[in-house]
Amino acid sequence: MTMTYRVRQGLQALSAFARTPDYGLAARYLSPPLMGVFRAMRRNEQLHSLNVLRALLAEGDTPRDLAVAALLHDSGKSRYPLGVWQKTYAVLLRRLFPRLFERLSSGNPHNLLIRPFVVYVHHPDWSAELMTTAGATPDAVWLAAHHQENRTHWQNHELFHLLERLQRADDAN
């Protein structure tokens, strides 16, 4: 992710309080239990997820599992909410000091100094857990669980084309 992306994301997060998420759009794809997972997310994460969904819808045919994954791929962040500065801190450290980042990301998320690194690495798994508990399909869960990974590892997977779309939309929003 570029610095321009992080600045834009930061500005969007700062203005999130003034914008209302389109819960109607989310409810078109999410069952009531999954909607509960969505509503537990921070407002800026909800807005981001809705933007990811809109980008996918603009491309054309969007299977329900892909839409659900778009809306809930970052839901695991609700376990340990982060400020924009913490997300930026994690991204910068990951880029500048990858070994240190890797060591810190295996720490305890209750430690406020380490939390951004742990959340960055583990939120896809936490999202998958929340989605599974709320009744998401295995395909939607798989997409969310792998949304942050290097997609070339999954080129032969049957959901690769959907993972590729999700990652592109996520990276652009």
C-alpha atoms as a PDB file:
ATOM      1  CA  MET A   1       0.000   0.000   0.000  1.00  0.00           C
ATOM      2  CA  THR A   2       1.304   3.393  -0.912  1.00  0.00           C
ATOM      3  CA  MET A   3       1.580   6.390   1.351  1.00  0.00           C
ATOM      4  CA  THR A   4      -1.017   8.150  -0.811  1.00  0.00           C
ATOM      5  CA  TYR A   5      -3.410   5.300  -0.082  1.00  0.00           C
ATOM      6  CA  ARG A   6      -2.749   5.586   3.665  1.00  0.00           C
ATOM      7  CA  VAL A   7      -3.271   9.357   3.634  1.00  0.00           C
ATOM      8  CA  ARG A   8      -6.556   8.935   1.746  1.00  0.00           C
ATOM      9  CA  GLN A   9      -7.601   6.153   4.127  1.00  0.00           C
ATOM     10  CA  GLY A  10      -6.741   8.355   7.106  1.00  0.00           C
ATOM     11  CA  LEU A  11      -8.821  11.234   5.767  1.00  0.00           C
ATOM     12  CA  GLN A  12     -11.730   8.887   5.127  1.00  0.00           C
ATOM     13  CA  ALA A  13     -11.441   7.506   8.669  1.00  0.00           C
ATOM     14  CA  LEU A  14     -11.403  10.999  10.143  1.00  0.00           C
ATOM     15  CA  SER A  15     -14.568  11.906   8.253  1.00  0.00           C
ATOM     16  CA  ALA A  16     -16.312   8.568   8.925  1.00  0.00           C
ATOM     17  CA  PHE A  17     -18.256  10.033  11.842  1.00  0.00           C
ATOM     18  CA  ALA A  18     -20.090  12.304   9.389  1.00  0.00           C
ATOM     19  CA  ARG A  19     -21.072   9.551   6.966  1.00  0.00           C
ATOM     20  CA  THR A  20     -23.718   6.890   7.496  1.00  0.00           C
ATOM     21  CA  PRO A  21     -22.993   3.396   6.184  1.00  0.00           C
ATOM     22  CA  ASP A  22     -25.551   2.033   3.734  1.00  0.00           C
ATOM     23  CA  TYR A  23     -26.923  -0.713   5.966  1.00  0.00           C
ATOM     24  CA  GLY A  24     -29.590  -1.459   3.364  1.00  0.00           C
ATOM     25  CA  LEU A  25     -26.932  -2.423   0.825  1.00  0.00           C
ATOM     26  CA  ALA A  26     -25.155  -4.612   3.370  1.00  0.00           C
ATOM     27  CA  ALA A  27     -28.436  -6.270   4.402  1.00  0.00           C
ATOM     28  CA  ARG A  28     -29.062  -7.324   0.782  1.00  0.00           C
ATOM     29  CA  TYR A  29     -26.129  -9.746   1.119  1.00  0.00           C
ATOM     30  CA  LEU A  30     -25.899 -10.513   4.831  1.00  0.00           C
ATOM     31  CA  SER A  31     -28.173 -12.682   6.967  1.00  0.00           C
ATOM     32  CA  PRO A  32     -29.202 -11.164  10.314  1.00  0.00           C
ATOM     33  CA  PRO A  33     -26.351 -12.920  12.207  1.00  0.00           C
ATOM     34  CA  LEU A  34     -23.820 -11.785   9.586  1.00  0.00           C
ATOM     35  CA  MET A  35     -25.315  -8.289   9.726  1.00  0.00           C
ATOM     36  CA  GLY A  36     -24.525  -8.367  13.453  1.00  0.00           C
ATOM     37  CA  VAL A  37     -20.878  -9.043  12.606  1.00  0.00           C
ATOM     38  CA  PHE A  38     -20.942  -6.127  10.163  1.00  0.00           C
ATOM     39  CA  ARG A  39     -22.516  -3.765  12.695  1.00  0.00           C
ATOM     40  CA  ALA A  40     -19.842  -4.679  15.274  1.00  0.00           C
ATOM     41  CA  MET A  41     -17.183  -3.243  12.960  1.00  0.00           C
ATOM     42  CA  ARG A  42     -16.009   0.350  13.381  1.00  0.00           C
ATOM     43  CA  ARG A  43     -17.776   2.819  11.122  1.00  0.00           C
ATOM     44  CA  ASN A  44     -14.691   3.510   8.989  1.00  0.00           C
ATOM     45  CA  GLU A  45     -14.255  -0.257   8.436  1.00  0.00           C
ATOM     46  CA  GLN A  46     -17.938  -0.553   7.471  1.00  0.00           C
ATOM     47  CA  LEU A  47     -17.561   2.292   4.979  1.00  0.00           C
ATOM     48  CA  HIS A  48     -14.400   0.709   3.552  1.00  0.00           C
ATOM     49  CA  SER A  49     -16.120  -2.674   3.199  1.00  0.00           C
ATOM     50  CA  LEU A  50     -19.105  -1.095   1.459  1.00  0.00           C
ATOM     51  CA  ASN A  51     -16.715   0.643  -0.952  1.00  0.00           C
ATOM     52  CA  VAL A  52     -15.065  -2.719  -1.684  1.00  0.00           C
ATOM     53  CA  LEU A  53     -18.487  -4.217  -2.379  1.00  0.00           C
ATOM     54  CA  ARG A  54     -19.471  -1.318  -4.645  1.00  0.00           C
ATOM     55  CA  ALA A  55     -16.249  -1.738  -6.636  1.00  0.00           C
ATOM     56  CA  LEU A  56     -17.040  -5.420  -7.136  1.00  0.00           C
ATOM     57  CA  LEU A  57     -20.642  -4.700  -8.117  1.00  0.00           C
ATOM     58  CA  ALA A  58     -19.413  -2.157 -10.670  1.00  0.00           C
ATOM     59  CA  GLU A  59     -17.420  -4.923 -12.366  1.00  0.00           C
ATOM     60  CA  GLY A  60     -20.583  -6.910 -13.040  1.00  0.00           C
ATOM     61  CA  ASP A  61     -21.588 -10.345 -11.801  1.00  0.00           C
ATOM     62  CA  THR A  62     -20.777 -10.575  -8.093  1.00  0.00           C
ATOM     63  CA  PRO A  63     -21.530 -13.925  -6.470  1.00  0.00           C
ATOM     64  CA  ARG A  64     -23.065 -13.690  -3.000  1.00  0.00           C
ATOM     65  CA  ASP A  65     -20.027 -15.339  -1.372  1.00  0.00           C
ATOM     66  CA  LEU A  66     -17.785 -12.654  -2.842  1.00  0.00           C
ATOM     67  CA  ALA A  67     -20.154  -9.923  -1.650  1.00  0.00           C
ATOM     68  CA  VAL A  68     -20.226 -11.385   1.870  1.00  0.00           C
ATOM     69  CA  ALA A  69     -16.428 -11.614   1.921  1.00  0.00           C
ATOM     70  CA  ALA A  70     -16.170  -8.008   0.715  1.00  0.00           C
ATOM     71  CA  LEU A  71     -18.399  -6.820   3.540  1.00  0.00           C
ATOM     72  CA  LEU A  72     -16.771  -8.883   6.298  1.00  0.00           C
ATOM     73  CA  HIS A  73     -13.122  -9.394   5.266  1.00  0.00           C
ATOM     74  CA  ASP A  74     -11.946  -6.928   7.945  1.00  0.00           C
ATOM     75  CA  SER A  75     -14.489  -7.854  10.615  1.00  0.00           C
ATOM     76  CA  GLY A  76     -11.765  -9.483  12.709  1.00  0.00           C
ATOM     77  CA  LYS A  77     -10.392  -6.006  13.403  1.00  0.00           C
ATOM     78  CA  SER A  78     -13.378  -5.471  15.686  1.00  0.00           C
ATOM     79  CA  ARG A  79     -11.699  -7.688  18.298  1.00  0.00           C
ATOM     80  CA  TYR A  80      -8.968  -5.098  18.835  1.00  0.00           C
ATOM     81  CA  PRO A  81      -9.936  -1.783  17.211  1.00  0.00           C
ATOM     82  CA  LEU A  82      -7.075   0.397  16.001  1.00  0.00           C
ATOM     83  CA  GLY A  83      -6.697   4.072  15.288  1.00  0.00           C
ATOM     84  CA  VAL A  84      -5.524   5.237  11.884  1.00  0.00           C
ATOM     85  CA  TRP A  85      -2.105   6.130  13.313  1.00  0.00           C
ATOM     86  CA  GLN A  86      -1.711   2.552  14.572  1.00  0.00           C
ATOM     87  CA  LYS A  87      -2.541   1.090  11.151  1.00  0.00           C
ATOM     88  CA  THR A  88      -0.068   3.461   9.520  1.00  0.00           C
ATOM     89  CA  TYR A  89       2.569   2.589  12.120  1.00  0.00           C
ATOM     90  CA  ALA A  90       2.147  -1.123  11.341  1.00  0.00           C
ATOM     91  CA  VAL A  91       2.324  -0.647   7.563  1.00  0.00           C
ATOM     92  CA  LEU A  92       5.441   1.523   7.789  1.00  0.00           C
ATOM     93  CA  LEU A  93       7.244  -0.841  10.150  1.00  0.00           C
ATOM     94  CA  ARG A  94       6.331  -3.802   7.965  1.00  0.00           C
ATOM     95  CA  ARG A  95       7.833  -2.089   4.946  1.00  0.00           C
ATOM     96  CA  LEU A  96      10.936  -0.685   6.656  1.00  0.00           C
ATOM     97  CA  PHE A  97      11.747  -3.444   9.157  1.00  0.00           C
ATOM     98  CA  PRO A  98      10.083  -6.682   8.023  1.00  0.00           C
ATOM     99  CA  ARG A  99      11.871  -8.942  10.515  1.00  0.00           C
ATOM    100  CA  LEU A 100      10.948  -6.732  13.442  1.00  0.00           C
ATOM    101  CA  PHE A 101       7.380  -6.582  12.151  1.00  0.00           C
ATOM    102  CA  GLU A 102       7.238 -10.371  11.959  1.00  0.00           C
ATOM    103  CA  ARG A 103       8.520 -10.737  15.522  1.00  0.00           C
ATOM    104  CA  LEU A 104       6.095  -8.137  16.899  1.00  0.00           C
ATOM    105  CA  SER A 105       3.112  -9.599  15.041  1.00  0.00           C
ATOM    106  CA  SER A 106       3.396 -12.828  17.014  1.00  0.00           C
ATOM    107  CA  GLY A 107       3.006 -10.966  20.310  1.00  0.00           C
ATOM    108  CA  ASN A 108       0.060 -10.386  22.589  1.00  0.00           C
ATOM    109  CA  PRO A 109      -2.661  -8.075  21.190  1.00  0.00           C
ATOM    110  CA  HIS A 110      -3.391  -6.814  24.709  1.00  0.00           C
ATOM    111  CA  ASN A 111      -0.073  -4.956  24.581  1.00  0.00           C
ATOM    112  CA  LEU A 112      -1.021  -1.615  23.015  1.00  0.00           C
ATOM    113  CA  LEU A 113       2.401  -1.141  21.395  1.00  0.00           C
ATOM    114  CA  ILE A 114       2.294  -4.539  19.715  1.00  0.00           C
ATOM    115  CA  ARG A 115      -1.435  -4.648  18.944  1.00  0.00           C
ATOM    116  CA  PRO A 116      -1.238  -3.012  15.471  1.00  0.00           C
ATOM    117  CA  PHE A 117       1.151  -5.704  14.221  1.00  0.00           C
ATOM    118  CA  VAL A 118      -0.860  -8.574  15.665  1.00  0.00           C
ATOM    119  CA  VAL A 119      -4.112  -7.225  14.231  1.00  0.00           C
ATOM    120  CA  TYR A 120      -2.541  -6.636  10.815  1.00  0.00           C
ATOM    121  CA  VAL A 121      -1.429 -10.263  10.581  1.00  0.00           C
ATOM    122  CA  HIS A 122      -4.233 -12.086  12.380  1.00  0.00           C
ATOM    123  CA  HIS A 123      -7.413 -10.172  11.491  1.00  0.00           C
ATOM    124  CA  PRO A 124      -8.160 -12.342   8.417  1.00  0.00           C
ATOM    125  CA  ASP A 125      -8.276 -15.458  10.626  1.00  0.00           C
ATOM    126  CA  TRP A 126     -10.392 -13.642  13.205  1.00  0.00           C
ATOM    127  CA  SER A 127     -12.731 -12.482  10.431  1.00  0.00           C
ATOM    128  CA  ALA A 128     -13.067 -16.086   9.262  1.00  0.00           C
ATOM    129  CA  GLU A 129     -13.897 -17.209  12.810  1.00  0.00           C
ATOM    130  CA  LEU A 130     -16.549 -14.524  13.255  1.00  0.00           C
ATOM    131  CA  MET A 131     -18.053 -15.310   9.867  1.00  0.00           C
ATOM    132  CA  THR A 132     -18.115 -19.052  10.535  1.00  0.00           C
ATOM    133  CA  THR A 133     -19.809 -18.545  13.897  1.00  0.00           C
ATOM    134  CA  ALA A 134     -22.428 -16.317  12.243  1.00  0.00           C
ATOM    135  CA  GLY A 135     -23.171 -18.874   9.519  1.00  0.00           C
ATOM    136  CA  ALA A 136     -21.257 -17.688   6.461  1.00  0.00           C
ATOM    137  CA  THR A 137     -20.623 -20.225   3.720  1.00  0.00           C
ATOM    138  CA  PRO A 138     -17.227 -21.936   3.546  1.00  0.00           C
ATOM    139  CA  ASP A 139     -16.398 -20.091   0.288  1.00  0.00           C
ATOM    140  CA  ALA A 140     -17.098 -16.645   1.787  1.00  0.00           C
ATOM    141  CA  VAL A 141     -15.052 -17.589   4.856  1.00  0.00           C
ATOM    142  CA  TRP A 142     -12.163 -18.815   2.693  1.00  0.00           C
ATOM    143  CA  LEU A 143     -12.101 -15.591   0.687  1.00  0.00           C
ATOM    144  CA  ALA A 144     -11.994 -13.442   3.835  1.00  0.00           C
ATOM    145  CA  ALA A 145      -9.372 -15.664   5.463  1.00  0.00           C
ATOM    146  CA  HIS A 146      -7.037 -15.303   2.472  1.00  0.00           C
ATOM    147  CA  HIS A 147      -7.777 -11.725   1.394  1.00  0.00           C
ATOM    148  CA  GLN A 148      -4.399 -10.462   2.572  1.00  0.00           C
ATOM    149  CA  GLU A 149      -2.183 -13.274   1.297  1.00  0.00           C
ATOM    150  CA  ASN A 150      -0.074 -13.347  -1.823  1.00  0.00           C
ATOM    151  CA  ARG A 151      -2.632 -14.526  -4.333  1.00  0.00           C
ATOM    152  CA  THR A 152      -0.034 -16.299  -6.479  1.00  0.00           C
ATOM    153  CA  HIS A 153       0.010 -19.034  -3.816  1.00  0.00           C
ATOM    154  CA  TRP A 154      -3.610 -19.779  -4.724  1.00  0.00           C
ATOM    155  CA  GLN A 155      -3.472 -19.745  -8.538  1.00  0.00           C
ATOM    156  CA  ASN A 156      -4.750 -23.315  -8.758  1.00  0.00           C
ATOM    157  CA  HIS A 157      -7.518 -22.890  -6.190  1.00  0.00           C
ATOM    158  CA  GLU A 158     -11.083 -22.956  -7.512  1.00  0.00           C
ATOM    159  CA  LEU A 159     -11.800 -19.555  -5.887  1.00  0.00           C
ATOM    160  CA  PHE A 160      -8.655 -17.858  -7.191  1.00  0.00           C
ATOM    161  CA  HIS A 161     -10.548 -15.616  -9.635  1.00  0.00           C
ATOM    162  CA  LEU A 162     -12.804 -14.380  -6.802  1.00  0.00           C
ATOM    163  CA  LEU A 163      -9.857 -13.869  -4.443  1.00  0.00           C
ATOM    164  CA  GLU A 164      -8.133 -11.838  -7.143  1.00  0.00           C
ATOM    165  CA  ARG A 165     -11.214  -9.630  -7.551  1.00  0.00           C
ATOM    166  CA  LEU A 166     -11.569  -9.158  -3.786  1.00  0.00           C
ATOM    167  CA  GLN A 167      -7.924  -8.176  -3.384  1.00  0.00           C
ATOM    168  CA  ARG A 168      -8.032  -5.700  -6.266  1.00  0.00           C
ATOM    169  CA  ALA A 169     -11.166  -4.046  -4.887  1.00  0.00           C
ATOM    170  CA  ASP A 170      -9.739  -4.012  -1.357  1.00  0.00           C
ATOM    171  CA  ASP A 171      -6.452  -2.489  -2.509  1.00  0.00           C
ATOM    172  CA  ALA A 172      -8.278   0.224  -4.469  1.00  0.00           C
ATOM    173  CA  ASN A 173     -10.552   1.216  -1.584  1.00  0.00           C
END
